[in-house]
Protein backbone atom coordinates (compact mmCIF):
# COMPACT_ATOMS: atom_id res chain seq x y z
CA MET A 1 13.39 -14.60 -36.75
CA VAL A 2 10.49 -12.16 -35.73
CA ARG A 3 10.89 -10.23 -39.08
CA GLU A 4 10.37 -13.77 -41.01
CA GLU A 5 7.12 -14.36 -38.87
CA LYS A 6 5.97 -10.97 -39.65
CA MET A 7 6.55 -11.53 -43.31
CA VAL A 8 4.54 -14.94 -43.05
CA LEU A 9 1.65 -13.08 -41.43
CA ARG A 10 1.77 -10.41 -44.14
CA ASN A 11 1.85 -12.83 -46.99
CA ARG A 12 -0.93 -14.72 -45.82
CA LEU A 13 -2.97 -11.53 -45.27
CA SER A 14 -2.07 -10.37 -48.74
CA LYS A 15 -2.86 -13.67 -50.44
CA SER A 16 -6.35 -13.47 -48.88
CA SER A 17 -6.85 -9.89 -50.28
CA GLU A 18 -5.38 -10.76 -53.67
CA ASN A 19 -8.04 -13.59 -54.29
CA PRO A 20 -11.30 -12.10 -53.07
CA GLU A 21 -13.25 -13.81 -55.83
CA LYS A 22 -11.98 -17.16 -54.99
CA ASP A 23 -12.81 -16.64 -51.24
CA GLU A 24 -16.26 -15.64 -52.30
CA ASP A 25 -16.71 -18.77 -54.38
CA GLN A 26 -15.64 -20.89 -51.37
CA ARG A 27 -18.00 -19.09 -49.08
CA ASN A 28 -20.82 -19.45 -51.54
CA LEU A 29 -20.06 -23.22 -51.88
CA THR A 30 -19.98 -23.58 -48.26
CA ASN A 31 -23.39 -22.08 -47.83
CA GLU A 32 -24.89 -24.11 -50.66
CA SER A 33 -23.40 -27.21 -49.02
CA LEU A 34 -24.75 -26.23 -45.49
CA GLU A 35 -28.15 -25.60 -47.17
CA THR A 36 -28.11 -29.19 -48.76
CA ARG A 37 -30.64 -31.47 -46.78
CA ARG A 38 -30.19 -35.14 -46.04
CA ASN A 39 -33.60 -36.57 -45.02
CA GLY A 40 -34.76 -32.92 -43.85
CA ARG A 41 -31.46 -32.29 -41.93
CA ILE A 42 -28.40 -30.20 -42.19
CA ASP A 43 -25.07 -32.14 -42.79
CA ILE A 44 -23.82 -31.70 -39.26
CA LYS A 45 -20.29 -33.42 -39.81
CA GLN A 46 -19.55 -30.90 -42.72
CA LEU A 47 -20.41 -28.18 -40.34
CA ILE A 48 -18.20 -29.43 -37.52
CA ALA A 49 -15.28 -30.11 -39.92
CA LYS A 50 -15.45 -26.51 -41.33
CA LYS A 51 -15.44 -24.96 -37.71
CA ARG A 52 -12.40 -27.01 -36.86
CA GLN A 53 -10.60 -25.80 -39.96
CA LEU A 54 -11.52 -22.21 -39.09
CA ALA A 55 -10.22 -22.75 -35.34
CA ALA A 56 -7.07 -24.18 -36.55
CA GLU A 57 -6.28 -21.26 -39.03
CA ALA A 58 -7.04 -18.84 -36.06
CA GLU A 59 -4.71 -20.56 -33.70
CA GLU A 60 -1.99 -20.56 -36.28
CA LEU A 61 -2.39 -16.78 -36.99
CA LYS A 62 -2.73 -15.75 -33.29
CA PRO A 63 0.90 -15.81 -32.12
CA LEU A 64 1.91 -13.88 -35.22
CA PHE A 65 -0.68 -11.30 -34.67
CA LEU A 66 0.19 -10.75 -31.18
CA LYS A 67 3.94 -10.41 -32.10
CA GLU A 68 3.12 -7.86 -34.72
CA VAL A 69 0.96 -5.79 -32.29
CA GLY A 70 3.66 -5.95 -29.65
CA SER A 71 6.34 -4.94 -31.93
CA HIS A 72 4.41 -1.75 -32.81
CA LEU A 73 3.72 -1.14 -29.07
CA ASP A 74 7.42 -1.55 -28.32
CA ASP A 75 8.25 1.01 -30.98
CA PHE A 76 5.65 3.46 -29.72
CA VAL A 77 6.89 3.26 -25.99
CA THR A 78 10.50 3.64 -27.11
CA ASN A 79 9.73 6.66 -29.18
CA LEU A 80 7.67 8.16 -26.22
CA ILE A 81 10.55 7.79 -23.89
CA GLU A 82 12.96 9.34 -26.35
CA LYS A 83 10.61 12.37 -26.82
CA SER A 84 10.22 12.64 -23.11
CA ALA A 85 13.81 12.62 -22.64
CA SER A 86 14.25 15.33 -25.37
CA LEU A 87 11.84 17.65 -23.65
CA ASP A 88 14.01 17.76 -20.48
CA ASN A 89 15.37 21.45 -20.09
CA GLY A 90 18.99 21.49 -19.30
CA GLY A 91 19.16 18.13 -17.64
CA CYS A 92 16.46 18.99 -15.11
CA ALA A 93 14.31 16.36 -13.69
CA LEU A 94 11.23 15.05 -15.78
CA THR A 95 7.93 16.82 -15.03
CA THR A 96 5.50 15.17 -12.77
CA PHE A 97 3.04 14.61 -15.69
CA SER A 98 5.44 12.27 -17.41
CA ILE A 99 6.45 10.18 -14.44
CA LEU A 100 3.35 7.91 -14.41
CA GLU A 101 3.66 7.39 -17.98
CA GLU A 102 7.17 6.44 -17.69
CA MET A 103 6.40 4.04 -14.86
CA LYS A 104 3.87 2.32 -17.14
CA SER A 105 6.46 2.22 -20.03
CA ASN A 106 8.98 0.46 -17.71
CA HIS A 107 6.20 -1.95 -16.74
CA ARG A 108 5.35 -2.82 -20.33
CA ALA A 109 9.08 -3.14 -21.11
CA LYS A 110 9.21 -5.97 -18.79
CA ASP A 111 7.14 -8.00 -21.23
CA LEU A 112 8.58 -6.34 -24.24
CA ARG A 113 12.29 -7.35 -23.67
CA ALA A 114 14.48 -8.34 -26.54
CA PRO A 115 15.17 -12.04 -27.15
CA PRO A 116 17.85 -13.35 -24.83
CA GLU A 117 20.31 -13.71 -27.82
CA GLN A 118 20.20 -9.78 -28.25
CA GLY A 119 21.14 -9.07 -24.68
CA LYS A 120 19.93 -6.05 -22.71
CA ILE A 121 18.96 -2.88 -24.57
CA PHE A 122 20.00 0.37 -23.03
CA ILE A 123 17.50 3.36 -23.25
CA ALA A 124 18.37 6.89 -22.13
CA ARG A 125 15.98 7.42 -19.35
CA ARG A 126 15.90 8.78 -15.77
CA SER A 127 15.32 7.17 -12.18
CA LEU A 128 11.81 7.31 -11.09
CA LEU A 129 12.69 8.95 -7.77
CA GLU A 130 15.36 11.37 -8.94
CA LEU A 131 15.51 14.60 -6.92
CA VAL A 132 13.27 17.35 -8.09
CA LEU A 133 14.70 20.85 -8.23
CA GLU A 134 11.60 22.58 -9.56
CA PHE A 135 9.72 24.35 -6.96
CA ASN A 136 6.52 25.33 -8.87
CA LEU A 137 4.36 23.39 -6.45
CA LEU A 138 5.99 24.73 -3.42
CA SER A 139 5.97 28.44 -4.76
CA TYR A 140 2.21 27.93 -5.62
CA ALA A 141 1.25 26.41 -2.03
CA PHE A 142 2.91 29.22 -0.09
CA GLY A 143 2.01 32.08 -2.53
CA LYS A 144 0.59 35.49 -1.32
CA LEU A 145 2.83 35.50 1.78
CA GLN A 146 2.40 39.17 2.28
CA THR A 147 -1.40 38.69 3.00
CA VAL A 148 -0.44 35.98 5.40
CA VAL A 149 2.00 38.36 7.19
CA TRP A 150 -0.42 41.19 7.75
CA THR A 151 -3.36 38.77 8.44
CA TRP A 152 -1.16 37.19 11.27
CA SER A 153 0.09 40.45 12.55
CA ALA A 154 -3.65 41.67 13.02
CA MET A 155 -4.71 38.52 14.60
CA PHE A 156 -1.66 38.54 16.97
CA LEU A 157 -2.12 42.05 17.84
CA SER A 158 -5.93 41.75 18.63
CA THR A 159 -5.31 38.65 20.71
CA LEU A 160 -2.65 40.60 22.65
CA PHE A 161 -4.64 43.51 23.62
CA ILE A 162 -8.41 42.81 23.42
CA PRO A 163 -8.71 39.68 25.94
CA TYR A 164 -6.12 41.12 28.19
CA PHE A 165 -7.72 44.64 28.58
CA LEU A 166 -11.28 43.07 28.66
CA PHE A 167 -10.14 40.85 31.50
CA GLN A 168 -8.16 43.64 33.33
CA HIS A 169 -11.36 45.98 33.12
CA TRP A 170 -13.55 43.27 34.59
CA ALA A 171 -11.26 42.00 37.33
CA ARG A 172 -10.43 45.52 38.66
CA GLY A 173 -14.07 46.48 38.93
CA TYR A 174 -15.61 43.16 39.81
CA SER A 175 -15.32 43.44 43.66
CA LYS A 176 -16.51 47.11 43.64
CA SER A 177 -19.55 46.54 41.15
CA SER A 178 -23.04 46.58 42.69
CA HIS A 179 -24.02 44.15 39.91
CA PRO A 180 -20.97 41.72 39.51
CA LEU A 181 -23.08 39.10 37.70
CA ILE A 182 -24.27 41.62 35.05
CA ARG A 183 -20.73 42.98 34.68
CA SER A 184 -19.48 39.27 34.34
CA LEU A 185 -22.08 38.50 31.59
CA VAL A 186 -21.45 41.66 29.75
CA HIS A 187 -17.55 41.11 29.75
CA GLY A 188 -18.14 37.50 28.81
CA LEU A 189 -20.25 38.30 26.03
CA LEU A 190 -17.74 40.77 24.57
CA PHE A 191 -15.09 38.12 25.06
CA MET A 192 -17.22 35.72 22.89
CA VAL A 193 -17.71 38.21 20.20
CA PHE A 194 -14.03 38.67 20.06
CA GLN A 195 -13.44 34.90 19.86
CA LEU A 196 -16.18 34.05 17.32
CA GLY A 197 -16.50 37.42 15.48
CA ILE A 198 -13.07 39.13 15.22
CA LEU A 199 -10.73 36.18 15.80
CA GLY A 200 -12.96 33.49 14.22
CA PHE A 201 -14.75 35.19 11.27
CA VAL A 202 -12.25 37.69 10.02
CA PRO A 203 -9.28 35.42 9.36
CA THR A 204 -11.73 32.97 7.58
CA TYR A 205 -13.05 35.62 5.53
CA ILE A 206 -9.62 36.89 4.40
CA VAL A 207 -8.23 33.36 3.32
CA LEU A 208 -11.55 32.93 1.30
CA ALA A 209 -11.92 36.57 -0.16
CA TYR A 210 -8.18 36.65 -1.07
CA THR A 211 -8.27 33.05 -2.43
CA LEU A 212 -4.88 32.21 -0.60
CA PRO A 213 -3.29 28.90 -1.80
CA PRO A 214 -3.53 25.91 0.50
CA ALA A 215 -0.41 26.12 2.55
CA SER A 216 -0.85 29.89 3.12
CA ARG A 217 -4.22 29.04 4.35
CA PHE A 218 -2.94 26.52 6.86
CA ILE A 219 -0.74 29.15 8.36
CA VAL A 220 -3.66 31.53 8.94
CA ILE A 221 -6.09 28.85 10.12
CA LEU A 222 -3.71 27.12 12.38
CA GLU A 223 -2.57 30.41 13.93
CA GLN A 224 -6.21 31.31 14.31
CA ILE A 225 -7.03 28.20 16.21
CA ARG A 226 -3.83 28.39 18.27
CA LEU A 227 -4.69 32.02 19.42
CA VAL A 228 -8.27 31.18 20.22
CA MET A 229 -7.05 28.43 22.45
CA LYS A 230 -4.43 30.56 23.96
CA ALA A 231 -6.98 33.46 24.84
CA HIS A 232 -9.42 30.99 26.24
CA SER A 233 -6.77 29.56 28.60
CA PHE A 234 -5.59 32.83 29.72
CA VAL A 235 -9.23 33.90 30.86
CA ARG A 236 -10.13 30.32 31.94
CA GLU A 237 -7.03 30.14 34.40
CA ASN A 238 -7.39 33.85 35.64
CA VAL A 239 -11.08 34.24 36.33
CA PRO A 240 -11.22 31.64 39.24
CA ARG A 241 -8.30 33.60 40.83
CA VAL A 242 -10.24 36.84 40.69
CA LEU A 243 -13.41 35.24 42.13
CA SER A 244 -11.51 33.66 44.80
CA ALA A 245 -9.76 37.03 45.76
CA ALA A 246 -13.08 38.71 45.82
CA LYS A 247 -14.62 36.11 47.94
CA GLU A 248 -11.72 36.47 50.39
CA LYS A 249 -12.16 40.31 50.20
CA SER A 250 -8.54 40.67 49.26
CA SER A 251 -7.28 44.21 48.36
CA THR A 252 -4.95 42.78 45.76
CA VAL A 253 -6.47 42.02 42.35
CA PRO A 254 -4.52 39.00 40.82
CA VAL A 255 -4.17 40.40 37.28
CA PRO A 256 -1.14 39.20 35.40
CA THR A 257 1.23 41.58 33.59
CA VAL A 258 1.30 42.19 29.93
CA ASN A 259 4.82 40.69 29.82
CA GLN A 260 3.54 37.49 31.25
CA TYR A 261 0.58 37.18 28.84
CA LEU A 262 2.91 38.18 25.90
CA TYR A 263 5.35 35.39 26.89
CA PHE A 264 2.45 32.93 27.00
CA LEU A 265 1.36 33.77 23.41
CA PHE A 266 4.80 32.65 22.25
CA ALA A 267 5.45 29.87 24.54
CA PRO A 268 5.15 26.41 23.22
CA THR A 269 2.15 25.50 25.48
CA LEU A 270 -1.64 26.16 25.58
CA ILE A 271 -1.99 26.14 29.41
CA TYR A 272 -1.46 29.60 31.05
CA ARG A 273 0.78 30.09 34.11
CA ASP A 274 2.22 33.25 35.39
CA SER A 275 5.68 31.53 35.24
CA TYR A 276 7.35 28.28 33.82
CA PRO A 277 10.50 26.34 34.40
CA ARG A 278 13.33 28.19 32.60
CA THR A 279 16.54 26.96 31.31
CA PRO A 280 19.61 29.28 32.19
CA THR A 281 20.92 29.95 28.50
CA VAL A 282 19.86 29.95 24.92
CA ARG A 283 21.73 27.60 22.71
CA TRP A 284 21.49 29.44 19.38
CA GLY A 285 23.24 26.75 17.44
CA TYR A 286 20.59 24.38 18.60
CA VAL A 287 17.85 26.74 17.50
CA ALA A 288 19.50 27.04 14.10
CA MET A 289 19.67 23.15 13.65
CA GLN A 290 15.86 22.79 14.63
CA PHE A 291 14.91 25.30 12.15
CA ALA A 292 17.04 23.64 9.53
CA GLN A 293 15.41 20.42 10.22
CA VAL A 294 11.93 22.02 9.79
CA PHE A 295 12.83 23.21 6.30
CA GLY A 296 14.42 19.82 5.53
CA CYS A 297 11.14 18.19 6.46
CA LEU A 298 9.12 20.73 4.44
CA PHE A 299 11.25 19.94 1.31
CA TYR A 300 10.80 16.28 1.95
CA VAL A 301 7.05 16.75 2.10
CA TYR A 302 7.12 18.69 -1.07
CA TYR A 303 9.21 16.01 -2.71
CA ILE A 304 6.62 13.32 -1.59
CA PHE A 305 3.75 15.23 -2.93
CA GLU A 306 5.69 16.03 -6.32
CA ARG A 307 6.93 12.40 -6.72
CA LEU A 308 4.37 10.05 -5.31
CA CYS A 309 1.12 12.01 -4.88
CA ALA A 310 0.70 14.43 -7.91
CA PRO A 311 1.60 11.75 -10.56
CA LEU A 312 -0.91 9.33 -9.06
CA PHE A 313 -3.98 11.77 -8.96
CA ARG A 314 -3.11 14.00 -11.95
CA ASN A 315 -3.12 10.94 -14.24
CA ILE A 316 -6.41 9.36 -13.11
CA LYS A 317 -8.20 7.80 -16.10
CA GLN A 318 -11.71 8.26 -17.05
CA GLU A 319 -13.06 5.31 -14.72
CA PRO A 320 -16.32 5.25 -12.98
CA PHE A 321 -16.14 5.72 -9.23
CA SER A 322 -16.06 2.07 -7.95
CA ALA A 323 -14.83 0.04 -5.17
CA ARG A 324 -11.89 -1.19 -7.16
CA VAL A 325 -10.70 2.22 -7.95
CA LEU A 326 -11.22 3.32 -4.33
CA VAL A 327 -9.18 0.31 -3.04
CA LEU A 328 -6.44 0.90 -5.40
CA CYS A 329 -6.23 4.63 -4.55
CA VAL A 330 -6.17 3.88 -0.79
CA PHE A 331 -3.40 1.33 -1.09
CA ASN A 332 -1.22 3.60 -3.29
CA SER A 333 -1.75 6.43 -0.82
CA ILE A 334 -0.68 4.47 2.23
CA LEU A 335 3.12 5.05 1.82
CA PRO A 336 2.95 8.77 1.14
CA GLY A 337 0.32 9.34 3.73
CA VAL A 338 2.47 7.69 6.48
CA LEU A 339 5.65 9.48 5.36
CA ILE A 340 3.73 12.78 5.64
CA LEU A 341 2.53 11.78 9.09
CA PHE A 342 6.04 11.15 10.34
CA LEU A 343 7.49 14.25 8.71
CA SER A 344 4.63 16.47 10.24
CA PHE A 345 5.09 15.02 13.60
CA PHE A 346 8.95 15.46 13.67
CA ALA A 347 8.86 18.95 11.93
CA PHE A 348 6.21 20.66 14.19
CA LEU A 349 5.92 18.58 17.51
CA HIS A 350 9.87 18.18 17.84
CA CYS A 351 11.82 20.70 15.84
CA TRP A 352 9.51 23.76 15.70
CA LEU A 353 8.34 23.65 19.37
CA ASN A 354 11.86 22.79 20.49
CA ALA A 355 13.17 25.89 18.69
CA PHE A 356 10.87 28.14 20.21
CA ALA A 357 11.26 26.59 23.69
CA GLU A 358 14.86 27.11 23.31
CA MET A 359 14.60 30.76 22.40
CA LEU A 360 12.24 31.48 25.20
CA ARG A 361 14.16 29.24 27.66
CA PHE A 362 10.93 27.31 28.19
CA GLY A 363 11.95 24.36 30.45
CA ASP A 364 9.21 21.82 30.10
CA ARG A 365 9.61 20.18 26.56
CA MET A 366 7.24 17.10 26.94
CA PHE A 367 5.49 17.96 23.72
CA TYR A 368 4.96 14.32 22.98
CA LYS A 369 5.38 11.10 24.66
CA ASP A 370 6.22 7.49 23.06
CA TRP A 371 3.06 7.28 21.08
CA TRP A 372 4.71 4.77 18.72
CA ASN A 373 4.63 2.24 21.47
CA SER A 374 0.89 2.49 22.22
CA THR A 375 -1.09 -0.74 22.49
CA SER A 376 -4.43 1.26 22.81
CA TYR A 377 -6.07 4.19 21.07
CA SER A 378 -6.82 5.91 24.30
CA ASN A 379 -3.00 5.96 25.12
CA TYR A 380 -2.10 7.00 21.56
CA TYR A 381 -4.47 10.14 21.86
CA ARG A 382 -2.86 11.11 25.22
CA THR A 383 0.68 10.59 23.91
CA TRP A 384 0.54 11.89 20.36
CA ASN A 385 0.23 15.51 20.87
CA VAL A 386 0.51 16.40 24.64
CA VAL A 387 0.20 20.17 23.93
CA VAL A 388 -3.17 19.84 22.46
CA HIS A 389 -4.22 16.99 24.76
CA ASP A 390 -3.70 18.95 27.95
CA TRP A 391 -6.00 21.84 26.61
CA LEU A 392 -8.73 19.32 25.74
CA TYR A 393 -8.38 17.48 29.10
CA TYR A 394 -8.48 20.53 31.26
CA TYR A 395 -10.76 23.01 29.48
CA ALA A 396 -13.18 20.53 27.52
CA TYR A 397 -13.15 17.12 29.36
CA LYS A 398 -12.85 18.35 33.04
CA ASP A 399 -15.14 21.34 32.67
CA LEU A 400 -17.72 19.02 31.01
CA LEU A 401 -17.39 16.77 33.79
CA TRP A 402 -17.95 19.63 36.32
CA PHE A 403 -21.09 20.75 34.34
CA PHE A 404 -22.68 17.33 33.74
CA SER A 405 -21.31 15.71 37.03
CA LYS A 406 -18.92 12.75 37.09
CA ARG A 407 -21.75 10.35 36.19
CA PHE A 408 -21.39 11.34 32.51
CA LYS A 409 -17.95 10.46 31.72
CA SER A 410 -18.88 9.01 28.39
CA ALA A 411 -20.86 12.08 27.50
CA ALA A 412 -17.96 14.36 28.40
CA MET A 413 -15.62 12.14 26.22
CA LEU A 414 -18.07 12.29 23.31
CA GLY A 415 -18.00 16.05 23.67
CA VAL A 416 -14.23 16.11 23.44
CA PHE A 417 -14.23 14.02 20.35
CA ALA A 418 -16.92 16.08 18.81
CA LEU A 419 -14.96 19.30 19.56
CA SER A 420 -11.72 17.85 18.05
CA ALA A 421 -13.38 16.45 14.94
CA VAL A 422 -15.21 19.67 14.10
CA VAL A 423 -12.01 21.88 14.49
CA HIS A 424 -9.95 19.43 12.40
CA GLU A 425 -12.80 19.35 9.55
CA TYR A 426 -13.11 23.02 9.74
CA ALA A 427 -9.43 23.55 9.13
CA LEU A 428 -9.40 21.15 6.21
CA ALA A 429 -12.60 22.46 4.69
CA VAL A 430 -11.45 26.34 4.72
CA CYS A 431 -7.88 25.38 3.52
CA LEU A 432 -8.99 23.02 0.72
CA SER A 433 -12.05 25.10 -0.25
CA TYR A 434 -14.50 22.25 0.02
CA PHE A 435 -16.49 20.37 2.62
CA TYR A 436 -15.74 16.56 2.31
CA PRO A 437 -16.04 15.06 6.05
CA VAL A 438 -13.77 12.07 5.59
CA LEU A 439 -11.58 13.02 8.57
CA PHE A 440 -14.76 13.96 10.59
CA VAL A 441 -16.20 10.45 9.94
CA LEU A 442 -12.96 8.70 10.89
CA PHE A 443 -12.46 10.82 13.99
CA MET A 444 -16.10 10.68 15.23
CA PHE A 445 -16.95 7.08 14.37
CA PHE A 446 -13.99 5.00 13.98
CA GLY A 447 -11.70 6.89 16.26
CA MET A 448 -14.18 7.02 19.09
CA ALA A 449 -15.13 3.38 18.69
CA PHE A 450 -11.51 2.39 18.83
CA ASN A 451 -10.91 4.42 21.79
CA PHE A 452 -13.47 2.35 23.87
CA ILE A 453 -12.72 -1.00 22.14
CA VAL A 454 -8.99 -0.70 22.12
CA ASN A 455 -8.59 0.79 25.54
CA ASP A 456 -5.91 0.75 28.29
CA SER A 457 -6.62 -2.75 29.23
CA ARG A 458 -4.95 -3.99 25.99
CA LYS A 459 -1.23 -4.44 26.83
CA ARG A 460 -0.11 -7.14 24.28
CA PRO A 461 2.25 -6.26 21.60
CA VAL A 462 -0.28 -7.47 18.89
CA TRP A 463 -2.39 -4.41 19.80
CA ASN A 464 0.43 -2.13 18.94
CA ILE A 465 0.61 -3.77 15.62
CA MET A 466 -3.18 -3.26 15.11
CA VAL A 467 -2.69 0.45 16.25
CA TRP A 468 0.05 0.84 13.54
CA ALA A 469 -1.98 -0.95 10.89
CA SER A 470 -5.01 1.18 11.45
CA LEU A 471 -2.95 4.32 11.34
CA PHE A 472 -1.35 3.24 8.09
CA LEU A 473 -4.82 2.63 6.60
CA GLY A 474 -6.44 5.64 7.91
CA HIS A 475 -3.82 8.06 6.58
CA GLY A 476 -4.11 6.13 3.20
CA VAL A 477 -7.82 6.91 3.26
CA ILE A 478 -7.50 10.60 4.14
CA LEU A 479 -4.78 11.23 1.54
CA CYS A 480 -6.73 9.22 -1.21
CA PHE A 481 -10.19 10.82 -0.49
CA TYR A 482 -8.95 14.42 -0.18
CA SER A 483 -6.40 14.37 -3.21
CA GLN A 484 -9.11 12.74 -5.43
CA GLU A 485 -11.54 15.60 -4.53
CA TRP A 486 -9.00 18.32 -4.99
CA TYR A 487 -8.07 17.19 -8.46
CA ALA A 488 -11.67 16.48 -9.35
CA ARG A 489 -12.52 20.15 -8.57
CA GLN A 490 -9.45 21.30 -10.61
CA HIS A 491 -10.50 19.39 -13.74
CA CYS A 492 -14.20 19.67 -13.45
CA PRO A 493 -14.80 23.28 -12.38
CA LEU A 494 -18.32 24.63 -12.29
CA LYS A 495 -19.19 28.13 -13.66
CA ASN A 496 -21.76 29.23 -11.17
CA PRO A 497 -21.27 27.04 -8.08
CA THR A 498 -24.01 27.07 -5.41
CA PHE A 499 -23.60 26.54 -1.71
CA LEU A 500 -24.41 22.79 -2.28
CA ASP A 501 -21.72 22.45 -4.82
CA TYR A 502 -19.11 23.05 -2.15
CA VAL A 503 -20.34 20.21 0.00
CA ARG A 504 -21.30 17.74 -2.68
CA PRO A 505 -18.40 15.38 -3.42
CA ARG A 506 -17.29 16.08 -7.11
CA SER A 507 -14.98 13.15 -7.37
CA TRP A 508 -17.84 10.73 -7.59
CA THR A 509 -19.28 12.36 -10.68
CA CYS A 510 -16.15 14.02 -12.40
CA ARG A 511 -14.63 12.16 -15.48
CA TYR A 512 -11.93 13.79 -17.12
CA VAL A 513 -9.32 12.81 -19.78
CA PHE A 514 -5.86 14.30 -20.16
């Protein structure tokens, strides 16, 4: 039936092309009749009749024309799917580049189904979420691991020896020094040089100079931040003990042993103590299970990036940066963003920290609380990551309260938010090789505002729903903006970038076509 309609359309088109002289004569007659005047006016009735005739012919040809175009499009999509399947190497999954096109083809196929009398048409094609066994993205992200290993070794050994021996040298000579204040200032200055210069600058320089890939950069930068926090906690907890002993004129100087400090560097906590609660034995089977779950989560995160994120952002069309494009991108990023949130939480705060706690027989394993039941953002911040929250509470919030007095609690809280936002944005900027302060804005403005608005007085379940909804939306925004910027910089590179090019968003101006 479709073929007969095609033949009718072609015959009409061919007839019109075979009689061009006749059509020309008709047009001339029409023009002459329109130019005929009656009492100085054009024949309006004849003009209206001609318009109606043309409209009727157009309506008659419209369905035939649409079916002709649809048929060609159907053939094109089928051919594209067959070619995509033929490119499959040895039965492996399709490449991520073809996933979005296949999804679009399936979407079009809904409107291009065969007539009901022909039944279902089967085409050789794969499931959209078929397991990916190609690890190109994973091997790229964790490339140059030998550089990561020697950089981490240098960071760890410098953190082990320099802060410890600086503190030991200051502590043992403090009570005997004729100028204890000057001695304290000199050692404090040397400690700051180590924190900011050696441990702060050198690893950052290495990841940039050696152009480490993103995951390798994250390993170095997160370890850098962890060791800085560990060294600060060790000094911050032990200096008051030395000052107290000197004030009491005690003959014993309270300097921890190297073994105590070494244990603390590996322990899953950022608060130094000479000793911690210990378990009697090590369950090595439990340790193996935790590390296996870490690698399982890592593979699942890779799978999400490969199947849900990469196709979305690699195949962005040449569209202007607009609110419509942004909204679609954010909502498409919510699902993978939330999945990555859950997997990162479970892999690190549960599996990784519990594995090290078990190996070190570390007893206190309250690394997180029931943050998923939070009805306020203040409670969420306290329970999401207890390890980091404890450090911020004791060494940032309480010290700022002591410095500014207790009347400035809001200023102290603002300082904690600013510190946390800056560190998070620093890690992302170095690891992604560009500065795009989306997380900083969300943290400093929306996060802080929600902390005061959605406070501990909110107890009803509806507030828990609001917290979850905002988390979903926030992680969609983060994944959307940073991924768009990443691919924009990959497809629109600059030959001689300046400093401003590293801080100016390129996704707002980059237009690329595949």
